[in-house]
């Protein structure tokens, strides 16, 4: 005797070897023996053979119209053989009964299983919904297959057009576009970006990186809503004329300087910082914008400002303007340039000139200083500030040895053409600006701490730099307090600290109290945004380094070994690993051959050519 039984969610046939009432020992068509429960037996039959029975039953199941079967089924639960009799119009033979059971079992949308061989017809509404869902899945599967075929042939499906940002930068793994792209990537062995680039979906590799950053950090775009700068009270006017020193592309001019001879022979040196907080009330629309952005974003060729342009223009220290400023005046001894006293003021200030690096550097440098050349505008003032900066540096306990000067790289991008210039860090211009900014930030950090007013500090201990609401030394700079306050047009932390400083100088309650949770939130959000923005800037500088290699058709390039197989290319700030580099000591000069450049992965491949033998 043979049986038709259910096992592991399917149906099988076997020949009975032993019948133990509650269990059976059976042998299947392949000669394998197994023990099954009697309750799992659906039918017993003698003819035909096992293989023929299953084949014929499956053929009958395939011929059964499931819609008619559903219409013919009772509303209550039923046993499969009962429905089989109604369907065939006679007592079904084992093959017909098995066919009906297979059809019921394979139609879960039409029939709900209620037990061994028992089913219940799905309600009409539920069946309609299930069939619609199945049809939708079928159409989606067909659409996905078409997507895969097109992408694999490097053709962009038309439906991808308005979904590229999602697909590239925040892929929804449940979307059929993403599923199709992943399948095509697996088939072509390309990344999503490279495959879409092959399909012509990324006409600009630059925009690919920029749009990724904007998608993640500026989902609503970079445009500003219309805002109005608030009027601020009339301020006393300073008696000095100030000048700024900035890069040629700087529009957010935060700082300026002045030099004045006092009647006692000493010098009064002014450090003047733009004061946008005078026109930006706490929790105002402009403040909300600045708090959301936290900082200006820099990249070669462009930037995304923290503040709207009309706000920047109202407070930037532009030449031939009288601007509100927070000023630090220090009196320096005429001979030693040691600081005798200092005071801070909120005032109006006339900006006489904006000096720019590119025109000032050829005139104001170590060579002209050594030669005593004073044949350019503001030469006496700059010379005094240079000497004062050296004094400040020495007072902080920092060496003025320039033997290990680092290079700063300056990117200029015009119409997709990039030039990469170099400036020695620690040049007279750099030292004057950096030392005076350190003086302002450390002095104002101390002012806040002395008055027990909350602020946001940068501290360094054992080499680790962090942001803190508690004043602590910055060991790297050699100062006891350091609170960023010198770039309020570009950094929200500086704006916050300026707001606190002005409250001290005016004797007003500060905007933020000690242990104010809002201050901790600002610190956390600024730290996150600033880190993100700096990483983006580094990535875009790397991008333009790679573009420069292509632009200049560089085939061979000199490089310096940093460690192991890590090298830095000459003339540009590009670092990479060279797998073919032999074991070479650090600082060794080598020649490399550029093999390939990947503007999407921001990487390049190069082969080691030779080691440069330098003269002793």
Protein backbone atom coordinates (compact mmCIF):
# COMPACT_ATOMS: atom_id res chain seq x y z
CA UNK A 1 0.00 0.00 0.00
CA UNK A 2 1.17 3.52 -0.81
CA UNK A 3 0.46 6.80 0.94
CA UNK A 4 0.26 10.48 0.04
CA UNK A 5 1.39 12.50 3.07
CA UNK A 6 2.33 15.99 4.21
CA UNK A 7 5.82 16.75 5.48
CA UNK A 8 7.86 19.97 5.87
CA UNK A 9 5.16 22.10 4.25
CA UNK A 10 4.89 19.93 1.13
CA UNK A 11 3.45 16.64 -0.11
CA UNK A 12 5.27 13.39 -0.67
CA UNK A 13 4.51 9.79 -1.57
CA UNK A 14 5.88 6.58 -0.11
CA UNK A 15 5.41 2.84 0.14
CA UNK A 16 4.34 1.48 3.53
CA UNK A 17 6.84 -0.95 5.01
CA UNK A 18 5.42 -1.12 8.52
CA UNK A 19 2.14 0.23 9.89
CA UNK A 20 2.27 0.82 13.64
CA UNK A 21 -1.12 2.54 13.86
CA UNK A 22 0.17 5.90 15.11
CA UNK A 23 3.26 5.89 12.92
CA UNK A 24 4.41 4.39 9.66
CA UNK A 25 7.72 3.22 8.30
CA UNK A 26 7.81 4.23 4.61
CA UNK A 27 10.18 4.14 1.68
CA UNK A 28 10.15 6.98 -0.86
CA UNK A 29 10.78 6.90 -4.61
CA UNK A 30 14.55 7.12 -4.05
CA UNK A 31 14.67 4.20 -1.63
CA UNK A 32 15.10 6.36 1.45
CA UNK A 33 13.28 5.10 4.51
CA UNK A 34 11.71 7.35 7.12
CA UNK A 35 9.25 7.34 9.97
CA UNK A 36 6.14 9.51 9.69
CA UNK A 37 3.09 10.12 11.87
CA UNK A 38 -0.18 8.56 10.77
CA UNK A 39 -1.87 11.95 11.25
CA UNK A 40 0.18 13.30 8.36
CA UNK A 41 -1.23 10.77 5.89
CA UNK A 42 -3.73 12.39 3.56
CA UNK A 43 -4.50 9.47 1.23
CA UNK A 44 -3.77 5.79 0.76
CA UNK A 45 -3.62 4.24 -2.68
CA UNK A 46 -2.50 1.09 -4.42
CA UNK A 47 -2.18 2.30 -7.99
CA UNK A 48 -0.43 3.84 -9.86
CA UNK A 49 3.22 3.76 -8.82
CA UNK A 50 4.68 6.42 -6.56
CA UNK A 51 6.33 8.53 -9.26
CA UNK A 52 3.34 8.32 -11.60
CA UNK A 53 0.89 9.19 -8.81
CA UNK A 54 2.67 12.39 -7.86
CA UNK A 55 3.13 13.45 -11.50
CA UNK A 56 -0.52 12.88 -12.36
CA UNK A 57 -1.75 14.58 -9.17
CA UNK A 58 0.34 17.68 -9.90
CA UNK A 59 -1.02 17.75 -13.46
CA UNK A 60 -4.59 17.66 -12.18
CA UNK A 61 -3.76 20.42 -9.69
CA UNK A 62 -2.40 22.57 -12.51
CA UNK A 63 -5.61 22.09 -14.51
CA UNK A 64 -7.92 23.14 -11.66
CA UNK A 65 -9.34 26.67 -12.01
CA UNK A 66 -8.61 28.14 -8.58
CA UNK A 67 -11.17 30.94 -9.04
CA UNK A 68 -13.91 28.43 -9.75
CA UNK A 69 -12.66 26.26 -6.90
CA UNK A 70 -12.92 29.26 -4.53
CA UNK A 71 -16.44 30.10 -5.76
CA UNK A 72 -17.52 26.49 -5.31
CA UNK A 73 -16.14 26.21 -1.77
CA UNK A 74 -18.39 26.52 1.32
CA UNK A 75 -18.07 29.53 3.62
CA UNK A 76 -17.20 27.42 6.64
CA UNK A 77 -14.15 25.21 7.13
CA UNK A 78 -14.06 22.13 4.97
CA UNK A 79 -12.02 19.04 4.37
CA UNK A 80 -10.22 18.83 1.05
CA UNK A 81 -11.95 15.64 -0.08
CA UNK A 82 -15.38 17.22 0.43
CA UNK A 83 -14.53 20.13 -1.85
CA UNK A 84 -12.91 17.74 -4.32
CA UNK A 85 -16.20 15.81 -4.59
CA UNK A 86 -18.13 19.03 -5.22
CA UNK A 87 -15.60 20.17 -7.82
CA UNK A 88 -15.37 16.92 -9.79
CA UNK A 89 -19.07 16.05 -9.39
CA UNK A 90 -18.28 12.56 -8.13
CA UNK A 91 -16.35 10.79 -5.42
CA UNK A 92 -12.79 11.64 -6.40
CA UNK A 93 -10.24 8.93 -6.96
CA UNK A 94 -6.96 9.24 -4.98
CA UNK A 95 -5.22 11.09 -7.81
CA UNK A 96 -8.06 13.63 -8.13
CA UNK A 97 -8.26 14.10 -4.37
CA UNK A 98 -4.50 14.61 -4.17
CA UNK A 99 -4.67 17.09 -7.06
CA UNK A 100 -7.38 19.08 -5.29
CA UNK A 101 -5.35 19.10 -2.07
CA UNK A 102 -2.20 20.29 -3.88
CA UNK A 103 -4.21 23.10 -5.52
CA UNK A 104 -5.72 24.20 -2.21
CA UNK A 105 -2.35 24.12 -0.51
CA UNK A 106 -0.66 26.13 -3.27
CA UNK A 107 -3.31 28.89 -3.20
CA UNK A 108 -2.86 30.60 0.19
CA UNK A 109 -4.53 33.81 -1.01
CA UNK A 110 -7.74 31.94 -1.88
CA UNK A 111 -7.72 29.38 0.93
CA UNK A 112 -6.54 29.63 4.53
CA UNK A 113 -5.15 26.44 6.00
CA UNK A 114 -6.92 25.44 9.20
CA UNK A 115 -5.39 22.04 9.88
CA UNK A 116 -4.27 18.84 8.22
CA UNK A 117 -6.26 18.74 4.99
CA UNK A 118 -8.68 21.41 6.25
CA UNK A 119 -9.14 24.86 4.68
CA UNK A 120 -11.39 27.90 4.70
CA UNK A 121 -12.12 30.13 1.72
CA UNK A 122 -10.74 33.64 2.04
CA UNK A 123 -13.34 36.42 2.38
CA UNK A 124 -14.00 38.28 -0.85
CA UNK A 125 -12.51 41.58 0.33
CA UNK A 126 -9.39 39.90 1.68
CA UNK A 127 -8.96 37.95 -1.54
CA UNK A 128 -9.36 41.09 -3.65
CA UNK A 129 -6.74 42.88 -1.58
CA UNK A 130 -4.34 39.92 -1.71
CA UNK A 131 -4.69 39.55 -5.46
CA UNK A 132 -4.10 43.28 -5.97
CA UNK A 133 -0.99 43.05 -3.82
CA UNK A 134 0.25 40.05 -5.77
CA UNK A 135 -0.33 41.85 -9.06
CA UNK A 136 1.53 44.86 -7.75
CA UNK A 137 4.48 42.66 -6.76
CA UNK A 138 4.44 41.02 -10.18
CA UNK A 139 4.54 44.37 -11.94
CA UNK A 140 7.30 45.57 -9.62
CA UNK A 141 9.31 42.45 -10.34
CA UNK A 142 8.96 43.09 -14.06
CA UNK A 143 9.95 46.73 -13.59
CA UNK A 144 12.92 45.76 -11.45
CA UNK A 145 14.06 43.28 -14.07
CA UNK A 146 13.89 46.03 -16.70
CA UNK A 147 15.88 48.37 -14.47
CA UNK A 148 18.56 45.75 -13.98
CA UNK A 149 18.77 45.09 -17.72
CA UNK A 150 19.08 48.81 -18.53
CA UNK A 151 21.61 49.55 -15.80
CA UNK A 152 23.72 46.55 -16.76
CA UNK A 153 23.82 47.99 -20.27
CA UNK A 154 24.84 51.39 -18.77
CA UNK A 155 21.51 52.99 -19.61
CA UNK A 156 19.78 55.10 -16.98
CA UNK A 157 16.09 54.22 -16.53
CA UNK A 158 13.95 57.31 -17.01
CA UNK A 159 12.28 56.70 -13.65
CA UNK A 160 15.60 57.23 -11.82
CA UNK A 161 15.79 60.93 -12.72
CA UNK A 162 14.08 62.52 -9.72
CA UNK A 163 15.27 59.84 -7.27
CA UNK A 164 19.01 60.04 -7.82
CA UNK A 165 19.72 61.84 -4.55
CA UNK A 166 17.92 59.17 -2.55
CA UNK A 167 19.53 56.37 -4.55
CA UNK A 168 23.03 57.79 -4.16
CA UNK A 169 23.07 59.37 -0.75
CA UNK A 170 20.35 57.74 1.35
CA UNK A 171 19.36 54.52 -0.41
CA UNK A 172 16.09 52.97 0.68
CA UNK A 173 16.80 49.26 0.55
CA UNK A 174 13.10 48.57 0.03
CA UNK A 175 12.88 50.71 -3.10
CA UNK A 176 12.95 48.73 -6.35
CA UNK A 177 15.35 51.29 -7.85
CA UNK A 178 17.87 50.56 -5.10
CA UNK A 179 17.32 46.79 -5.34
CA UNK A 180 17.86 46.94 -9.10
CA UNK A 181 20.97 49.09 -8.72
CA UNK A 182 22.45 46.71 -6.16
CA UNK A 183 21.81 43.76 -8.47
CA UNK A 184 23.36 45.60 -11.43
CA UNK A 185 26.37 46.59 -9.31
CA UNK A 186 26.87 42.95 -8.33
CA UNK A 187 26.71 41.94 -11.98
CA UNK A 188 29.04 44.66 -13.28
CA UNK A 189 31.39 44.69 -10.24
CA UNK A 190 31.02 48.48 -10.00
CA UNK A 191 30.03 50.68 -7.08
CA UNK A 192 26.72 52.51 -7.26
CA UNK A 193 28.39 55.83 -8.01
CA UNK A 194 30.64 54.36 -10.72
CA UNK A 195 27.75 52.52 -12.37
CA UNK A 196 25.54 55.60 -12.41
CA UNK A 197 28.46 57.63 -13.71
CA UNK A 198 28.78 55.12 -16.56
CA UNK A 199 25.06 55.64 -17.22
CA UNK A 200 25.58 59.39 -17.55
CA UNK A 201 23.69 60.18 -14.33
CA UNK A 202 26.65 62.04 -12.82
CA UNK A 203 27.80 64.57 -15.41
CA UNK A 204 29.89 66.36 -12.77
CA UNK A 205 32.09 64.45 -10.34
CA UNK A 206 32.48 67.69 -8.38
CA UNK A 207 28.72 68.04 -7.99
CA UNK A 208 28.50 64.41 -6.87
CA UNK A 209 30.57 65.22 -3.77
CA UNK A 210 29.03 68.64 -3.21
CA UNK A 211 25.47 67.35 -3.55
CA UNK A 212 26.18 64.51 -1.14
CA UNK A 213 27.32 67.03 1.45
CA UNK A 214 24.32 69.28 0.80
CA UNK A 215 21.91 66.34 0.91
CA UNK A 216 23.20 65.29 4.31
CA UNK A 217 23.72 68.70 5.88
CA UNK A 218 21.51 71.17 4.00
CA UNK A 219 18.45 69.13 2.98
CA UNK A 220 16.39 72.30 2.55
CA UNK A 221 19.01 74.01 0.44
CA UNK A 222 21.52 76.75 1.21
CA UNK A 223 19.34 79.77 0.43
CA UNK A 224 18.43 82.06 3.30
CA UNK A 225 14.96 83.29 4.19
CA UNK A 226 14.50 87.04 4.08
CA UNK A 227 15.66 88.60 7.36
CA UNK A 228 16.02 92.13 8.63
CA UNK A 229 18.99 93.30 10.65
CA UNK A 230 17.91 94.88 13.90
CA UNK A 231 18.85 98.43 14.76
CA UNK A 232 21.39 98.71 17.57
CA UNK A 233 21.97 101.62 19.97
CA UNK A 234 24.35 104.37 18.95
CA UNK A 235 27.89 103.58 20.08
CA UNK A 236 30.82 105.84 20.92
CA UNK A 237 33.17 106.29 17.98
CA UNK A 238 36.80 105.17 18.28
CA UNK A 239 39.50 107.73 17.58
CA UNK A 240 41.63 105.28 15.58
CA UNK A 241 41.51 104.19 11.95
CA UNK A 242 41.82 100.42 11.59
CA UNK A 243 42.89 98.08 8.81
CA UNK A 244 42.27 94.39 8.20
CA UNK A 245 44.49 91.64 6.77
CA UNK A 246 42.69 88.89 4.89
CA UNK A 247 42.82 86.56 1.95
CA UNK A 248 41.64 88.09 -1.32
CA UNK A 249 38.43 86.03 -1.31
CA UNK A 250 37.36 86.92 2.23
CA UNK A 251 34.04 88.72 2.48
CA UNK A 252 33.27 87.99 6.15
CA UNK A 253 35.96 90.31 7.55
CA UNK A 254 35.88 89.65 11.28
CA UNK A 255 39.04 91.35 12.52
CA UNK A 256 41.05 94.53 12.09
CA UNK A 257 43.95 96.25 13.86
CA UNK A 258 45.05 99.70 14.84
CA UNK A 259 48.24 101.27 16.19
CA UNK A 260 48.35 104.51 18.12
CA UNK A 261 51.19 106.40 19.84
CA UNK A 262 50.25 107.43 23.39
CA UNK A 263 51.37 110.68 25.04
CA UNK A 264 53.57 108.70 27.45
CA UNK A 265 55.51 107.23 24.54
CA UNK A 266 53.92 103.78 24.76
CA UNK A 267 51.93 102.14 21.99
CA UNK A 268 48.26 101.36 22.10
CA UNK A 269 47.51 98.37 19.90
CA UNK A 270 43.89 97.71 19.01
CA UNK A 271 42.38 94.38 18.05
CA UNK A 272 38.92 95.00 16.63
CA UNK A 273 36.34 92.28 16.04
CA UNK A 274 33.11 92.69 14.09
CA UNK A 275 30.12 92.81 16.45
CA UNK A 276 27.14 91.14 14.73
CA UNK A 277 25.58 90.28 18.11
CA UNK A 278 24.54 93.92 18.38
CA UNK A 279 22.06 93.31 15.58
CA UNK A 280 21.25 89.64 16.24
CA UNK A 281 19.04 89.15 19.28
CA UNK A 282 19.05 85.83 21.08
CA UNK A 283 16.45 83.45 19.56
CA UNK A 284 15.75 85.87 16.70
CA UNK A 285 15.30 84.52 13.15
CA UNK A 286 18.90 85.42 12.28
CA UNK A 287 20.16 83.76 15.46
CA UNK A 288 18.17 80.64 14.58
CA UNK A 289 19.81 80.54 11.13
CA UNK A 290 23.29 80.89 12.59
CA UNK A 291 22.59 78.28 15.26
CA UNK A 292 21.36 75.83 12.63
CA UNK A 293 24.44 76.26 10.43
CA UNK A 294 26.97 76.74 13.23
CA UNK A 295 29.76 77.81 10.89
CA UNK A 296 30.64 78.97 7.42
CA UNK A 297 31.50 76.02 5.18
CA UNK A 298 34.66 76.42 3.13
CA UNK A 299 35.73 74.59 -0.01
CA UNK A 300 37.96 75.49 -2.95
CA UNK A 301 36.19 77.96 -5.19
CA UNK A 302 33.14 78.61 -3.05
CA UNK A 303 31.71 78.73 0.45
CA UNK A 304 28.40 78.48 2.28
CA UNK A 305 28.17 81.33 4.74
CA UNK A 306 26.77 81.00 8.24
CA UNK A 307 24.89 84.29 7.99
CA UNK A 308 22.77 85.84 5.21
CA UNK A 309 24.59 88.26 2.95
CA UNK A 310 22.71 91.35 4.18
CA UNK A 311 23.73 90.48 7.75
CA UNK A 312 27.35 89.96 6.71
CA UNK A 313 27.38 93.26 4.82
CA UNK A 314 25.92 95.08 7.82
CA UNK A 315 28.77 93.98 10.10
CA UNK A 316 31.78 92.99 7.99
CA UNK A 317 34.75 95.30 8.59
CA UNK A 318 34.80 96.63 5.05
CA UNK A 319 37.02 99.54 4.04
CA UNK A 320 35.59 103.06 4.12
CA UNK A 321 32.88 102.05 6.56
CA UNK A 322 32.18 102.83 10.19
CA UNK A 323 31.35 99.50 11.76
CA UNK A 324 30.25 98.31 15.21
CA UNK A 325 33.10 96.44 16.87
CA UNK A 326 34.20 94.76 20.05
CA UNK A 327 37.70 96.11 20.63
CA UNK A 328 40.57 95.01 22.82
CA UNK A 329 43.14 97.74 23.43
CA UNK A 330 46.49 96.84 24.95
CA UNK A 331 49.12 99.34 26.00
CA UNK A 332 52.62 98.12 25.14
CA UNK A 333 55.83 99.50 26.58
CA UNK A 334 57.62 101.66 24.03
CA UNK A 335 60.92 99.81 24.38
CA UNK A 336 60.14 96.23 25.45
CA UNK A 337 56.63 95.98 23.96
CA UNK A 338 55.55 94.23 27.14
CA UNK A 339 51.85 94.64 27.84
CA UNK A 340 51.26 97.30 30.47
CA UNK A 341 47.47 97.29 30.57
CA UNK A 342 44.42 96.34 28.54
CA UNK A 343 40.75 97.24 28.24
CA UNK A 344 37.79 96.18 26.11
CA UNK A 345 35.16 98.41 24.54
CA UNK A 346 32.03 98.19 22.43
CA UNK A 347 32.28 101.00 19.89
CA UNK A 348 31.99 102.22 16.33
CA UNK A 349 35.14 101.99 14.31
CA UNK A 350 36.31 103.46 11.00
CA UNK A 351 37.92 100.87 8.72
CA UNK A 352 40.50 102.65 6.61
CA UNK A 353 41.72 99.74 4.49
CA UNK A 354 41.38 96.03 3.75
CA UNK A 355 44.87 94.67 3.11
CA UNK A 356 44.95 91.45 1.09
CA UNK A 357 47.49 88.64 1.35
CA UNK A 358 48.30 88.47 -2.35
CA UNK A 359 49.32 92.14 -2.58
CA UNK A 360 50.73 92.51 0.93
CA UNK A 361 52.95 89.42 1.03
CA UNK A 362 55.49 90.64 -1.56
CA UNK A 363 55.87 93.85 0.47
CA UNK A 364 55.63 92.61 4.04
CA UNK A 365 57.83 89.57 4.54
CA UNK A 366 60.94 88.47 6.38
CA UNK A 367 63.25 89.84 3.69
CA UNK A 368 61.71 93.32 3.62
CA UNK A 369 61.60 93.40 7.40
CA UNK A 370 65.27 92.48 7.60
CA UNK A 371 66.11 95.16 5.02
CA UNK A 372 64.04 97.77 6.86
CA UNK A 373 61.91 98.55 3.80
CA UNK A 374 58.97 100.77 4.73
CA UNK A 375 57.88 101.95 1.27
CA UNK A 376 54.30 100.61 1.33
CA UNK A 377 51.04 101.47 3.04
CA UNK A 378 50.87 100.70 6.76
CA UNK A 379 54.53 99.64 6.81
CA UNK A 380 55.30 101.29 10.20
CA UNK A 381 52.16 99.81 11.78
CA UNK A 382 52.84 96.35 10.38
CA UNK A 383 56.45 96.46 11.51
CA UNK A 384 55.40 97.34 15.04
CA UNK A 385 52.77 94.60 15.02
CA UNK A 386 55.42 92.14 13.78
CA UNK A 387 57.71 92.99 16.67
CA UNK A 388 54.79 92.86 19.09
CA UNK A 389 53.73 89.45 17.72
CA UNK A 390 57.24 88.09 18.31
CA UNK A 391 57.04 89.41 21.87
CA UNK A 392 53.68 87.70 22.40
CA UNK A 393 55.01 84.44 20.99
CA UNK A 394 58.01 84.52 23.32
CA UNK A 395 55.81 85.38 26.29
CA UNK A 396 53.72 82.27 25.57
CA UNK A 397 56.93 80.25 25.69
CA UNK A 398 56.80 79.33 22.01
CA UNK A 399 59.88 79.09 19.82
CA UNK A 400 60.27 81.44 16.87
CA UNK A 401 62.45 78.91 15.06
CA UNK A 402 61.11 78.66 11.51
CA UNK A 403 63.30 75.77 10.40
CA UNK A 404 60.32 73.43 10.43
CA UNK A 405 57.81 75.76 8.83
CA UNK A 406 54.74 74.07 7.41
CA UNK A 407 53.20 74.97 4.08
CA UNK A 408 49.65 76.20 3.67
CA UNK A 409 48.09 75.49 0.29
CA UNK A 410 45.79 78.00 -1.36
CA UNK A 411 43.25 76.79 -3.91
CA UNK A 412 41.83 79.05 -6.60
CA UNK A 413 39.13 77.59 -8.83
CA UNK A 414 37.77 79.54 -11.79
CA UNK A 415 35.60 77.89 -14.43
CA UNK A 416 36.76 74.42 -13.35
CA UNK A 417 40.42 75.41 -13.68
CA UNK A 418 42.34 75.00 -10.44
CA UNK A 419 45.58 76.59 -9.33
CA UNK A 420 47.23 75.52 -6.10
CA UNK A 421 49.53 78.05 -4.47
CA UNK A 422 51.75 77.76 -1.43
CA UNK A 423 52.40 79.97 1.57
CA UNK A 424 54.82 79.27 4.38
CA UNK A 425 52.94 79.08 7.63
CA UNK A 426 54.50 81.42 10.16
CA UNK A 427 55.19 84.19 7.65
CA UNK A 428 55.04 87.72 9.10
CA UNK A 429 51.45 88.11 7.94
CA UNK A 430 50.43 84.82 9.56
CA UNK A 431 52.27 85.54 12.76
CA UNK A 432 50.82 89.01 13.19
CA UNK A 433 47.25 87.84 12.67
CA UNK A 434 47.54 84.60 14.66
CA UNK A 435 49.32 86.13 17.65
CA UNK A 436 46.88 89.01 17.92
CA UNK A 437 43.94 86.61 17.65
CA UNK A 438 45.44 84.41 20.37
CA UNK A 439 45.83 87.50 22.52
CA UNK A 440 42.19 88.53 21.98
CA UNK A 441 40.78 85.05 22.54
CA UNK A 442 42.86 84.41 25.65
CA UNK A 443 42.19 87.90 27.10
CA UNK A 444 38.44 87.63 26.56
CA UNK A 445 38.37 84.06 27.84
CA UNK A 446 39.98 85.36 31.05
CA UNK A 447 37.50 88.23 31.18
CA UNK A 448 34.55 85.83 31.11
CA UNK A 449 36.15 83.58 33.73
CA UNK A 450 37.06 86.48 36.01
CA UNK A 451 33.44 87.68 35.98
CA UNK A 452 32.09 84.14 36.46
CA UNK A 453 30.18 84.40 33.18
CA UNK A 454 29.67 81.25 31.12
CA UNK A 455 31.56 80.83 27.87
CA UNK A 456 32.73 78.16 25.46
CA UNK A 457 36.45 77.44 25.63
CA UNK A 458 38.94 75.45 23.64
CA UNK A 459 41.26 73.60 25.97
CA UNK A 460 44.20 71.29 25.49
CA UNK A 461 45.58 68.84 27.99
CA UNK A 462 48.16 66.16 27.16
CA UNK A 463 47.76 66.90 23.47
CA UNK A 464 43.98 66.45 23.41
CA UNK A 465 42.01 69.49 22.24
CA UNK A 466 38.35 69.75 23.17
CA UNK A 467 35.53 72.24 23.62
CA UNK A 468 34.41 73.00 27.17
CA UNK A 469 32.16 75.35 29.10
CA UNK A 470 34.74 75.39 31.89
CA UNK A 471 37.87 77.52 31.54
CA UNK A 472 41.09 75.51 31.43
CA UNK A 473 44.57 76.00 29.94
CA UNK A 474 45.37 75.42 26.29
CA UNK A 475 48.78 73.84 26.64
CA UNK A 476 49.56 73.89 22.94
CA UNK A 477 49.15 77.66 22.79
CA UNK A 478 50.63 78.30 26.21
CA UNK A 479 47.67 80.31 27.53
CA UNK A 480 45.55 79.89 30.65
CA UNK A 481 42.26 80.72 28.89
CA UNK A 482 41.23 80.41 25.26
CA UNK A 483 37.69 81.22 24.12
CA UNK A 484 37.05 81.59 20.41
CA UNK A 485 35.72 85.13 20.05
CA UNK A 486 37.45 86.50 16.96
CA UNK A 487 35.24 85.15 14.13
CA UNK A 488 31.61 85.88 15.04
CA UNK A 489 30.62 86.26 11.38
CA UNK A 490 31.86 82.74 10.64
CA UNK A 491 31.51 80.63 13.80
CA UNK A 492 28.51 80.42 16.08
CA UNK A 493 30.65 79.71 19.15
CA UNK A 494 32.36 83.08 18.63
CA UNK A 495 28.95 84.71 18.32
CA UNK A 496 27.87 83.15 21.62
CA UNK A 497 31.05 84.22 23.40
CA UNK A 498 30.75 87.75 22.01
CA UNK A 499 27.20 87.97 23.32
CA UNK A 500 28.48 86.99 26.77
CA UNK A 501 31.41 89.44 26.58
CA UNK A 502 29.22 92.39 25.65
CA UNK A 503 26.93 91.60 28.59
CA UNK A 504 29.98 91.81 30.89
CA UNK A 505 31.13 95.11 29.41
CA UNK A 506 27.64 96.60 29.68
CA UNK A 507 26.94 95.21 33.14
CA UNK A 508 23.90 93.31 31.89
CA UNK A 509 22.74 89.77 32.75
CA UNK A 510 24.41 87.30 30.37
CA UNK A 511 22.37 85.47 27.76
CA UNK A 512 23.55 82.11 29.10
CA UNK A 513 23.91 81.28 32.78
CA UNK A 514 26.43 78.85 34.22
CA UNK A 515 25.47 75.25 33.45
CA UNK A 516 22.83 76.43 30.98
CA UNK A 517 21.73 73.34 29.03
CA UNK A 518 21.43 75.48 25.90
CA UNK A 519 25.17 76.18 26.10
CA UNK A 520 25.99 72.48 26.26
CA UNK A 521 23.71 71.86 23.26
CA UNK A 522 25.47 74.59 21.29
CA UNK A 523 28.87 73.14 22.18
CA UNK A 524 27.84 69.64 21.10
CA UNK A 525 26.17 70.76 17.86
CA UNK A 526 29.02 73.07 16.93
CA UNK A 527 31.62 70.38 17.52
CA UNK A 528 29.69 67.96 15.31
CA UNK A 529 29.10 70.49 12.52
CA UNK A 530 32.64 71.87 12.60
CA UNK A 531 34.10 68.38 12.34
CA UNK A 532 31.78 67.55 9.43
CA UNK A 533 32.56 70.79 7.61
CA UNK A 534 36.31 70.37 8.03
CA UNK A 535 36.17 66.82 6.71
CA UNK A 536 34.20 68.03 3.69
CA UNK A 537 36.75 70.78 3.06
CA UNK A 538 39.59 68.25 3.19
CA UNK A 539 37.73 65.97 0.78
CA UNK A 540 37.12 68.78 -1.69
CA UNK A 541 40.74 69.87 -1.49
CA UNK A 542 41.70 66.27 -2.25
CA UNK A 543 39.28 66.31 -5.17
CA UNK A 544 40.86 69.42 -6.64
CA UNK A 545 44.35 67.95 -6.15
CA UNK A 546 43.29 64.99 -8.28
CA UNK A 547 41.74 67.34 -10.82
CA UNK A 548 45.00 69.29 -10.89
CA UNK A 549 46.91 66.10 -11.77
CA UNK A 550 44.53 65.54 -14.67
CA UNK A 551 44.49 69.17 -15.71
CA UNK A 552 48.28 69.39 -15.82
CA UNK A 553 48.57 65.95 -17.49
CA UNK A 554 50.98 64.84 -14.78
CA UNK A 555 52.49 61.46 -15.62
CA UNK A 556 55.41 61.41 -13.21
CA UNK A 557 55.57 63.18 -9.89
CA UNK A 558 57.97 63.58 -6.99
CA UNK A 559 56.83 62.54 -3.54
CA UNK A 560 58.11 62.28 -0.01
CA UNK A 561 57.75 59.10 2.03
CA UNK A 562 55.87 59.77 5.26
CA UNK A 563 55.87 56.25 6.68
CA UNK A 564 55.77 52.72 5.29
CA UNK A 565 54.00 53.02 1.89
CA UNK A 566 52.34 56.37 2.64
CA UNK A 567 53.63 59.30 0.58
CA UNK A 568 52.87 62.97 0.04
CA UNK A 569 53.10 64.36 -3.47
CA UNK A 570 55.26 67.41 -4.12
CA UNK A 571 53.64 70.81 -4.76
CA UNK A 572 50.13 69.75 -3.72
CA UNK A 573 48.64 68.49 -0.44
CA UNK A 574 47.84 65.00 -1.71
CA UNK A 575 48.64 61.90 0.32
CA UNK A 576 48.24 58.30 -0.79
CA UNK A 577 49.48 54.75 -0.35
CA UNK A 578 51.73 53.22 -2.99
CA UNK A 579 51.61 49.43 -2.86
CA UNK A 580 54.70 49.01 -5.07
CA UNK A 581 56.89 51.23 -2.87
CA UNK A 582 59.87 49.26 -1.51
CA UNK A 583 60.85 49.58 2.13
CA UNK A 584 62.03 53.17 2.31
CA UNK A 585 62.98 55.40 5.26
CA UNK A 586 60.69 58.38 6.05
CA UNK A 587 61.51 61.70 4.33
CA UNK A 588 63.02 59.90 1.34
CA UNK A 589 62.24 61.52 -2.01
CA UNK A 590 60.86 59.17 -4.64
CA UNK A 591 59.57 59.40 -8.19
CA UNK A 592 56.16 57.94 -8.96
CA UNK A 593 54.23 57.27 -12.15
CA UNK A 594 50.53 58.14 -11.99
CA UNK A 595 48.57 55.10 -13.15
CA UNK A 596 44.94 56.11 -12.61
CA UNK A 597 42.79 58.73 -10.92
CA UNK A 598 39.35 58.07 -9.45
CA UNK A 599 37.43 61.30 -8.87
CA UNK A 600 34.49 59.49 -7.32
CA UNK A 601 36.44 57.52 -4.72
CA UNK A 602 38.88 60.45 -4.33
CA UNK A 603 41.82 58.15 -4.85
CA UNK A 604 44.69 57.55 -7.20
CA UNK A 605 47.01 54.71 -8.07
CA UNK A 606 50.70 55.22 -8.76
CA UNK A 607 53.72 53.01 -9.36
CA UNK A 608 57.10 53.45 -7.77
CA UNK A 609 59.72 54.45 -10.34
CA UNK A 610 62.87 55.35 -8.45
CA UNK A 611 64.41 56.87 -5.36
CA UNK A 612 65.80 60.37 -5.73
CA UNK A 613 69.43 60.52 -4.64
CA UNK A 614 69.93 63.91 -3.05
CA UNK A 615 73.30 65.63 -2.80
CA UNK A 616 74.85 65.54 0.62
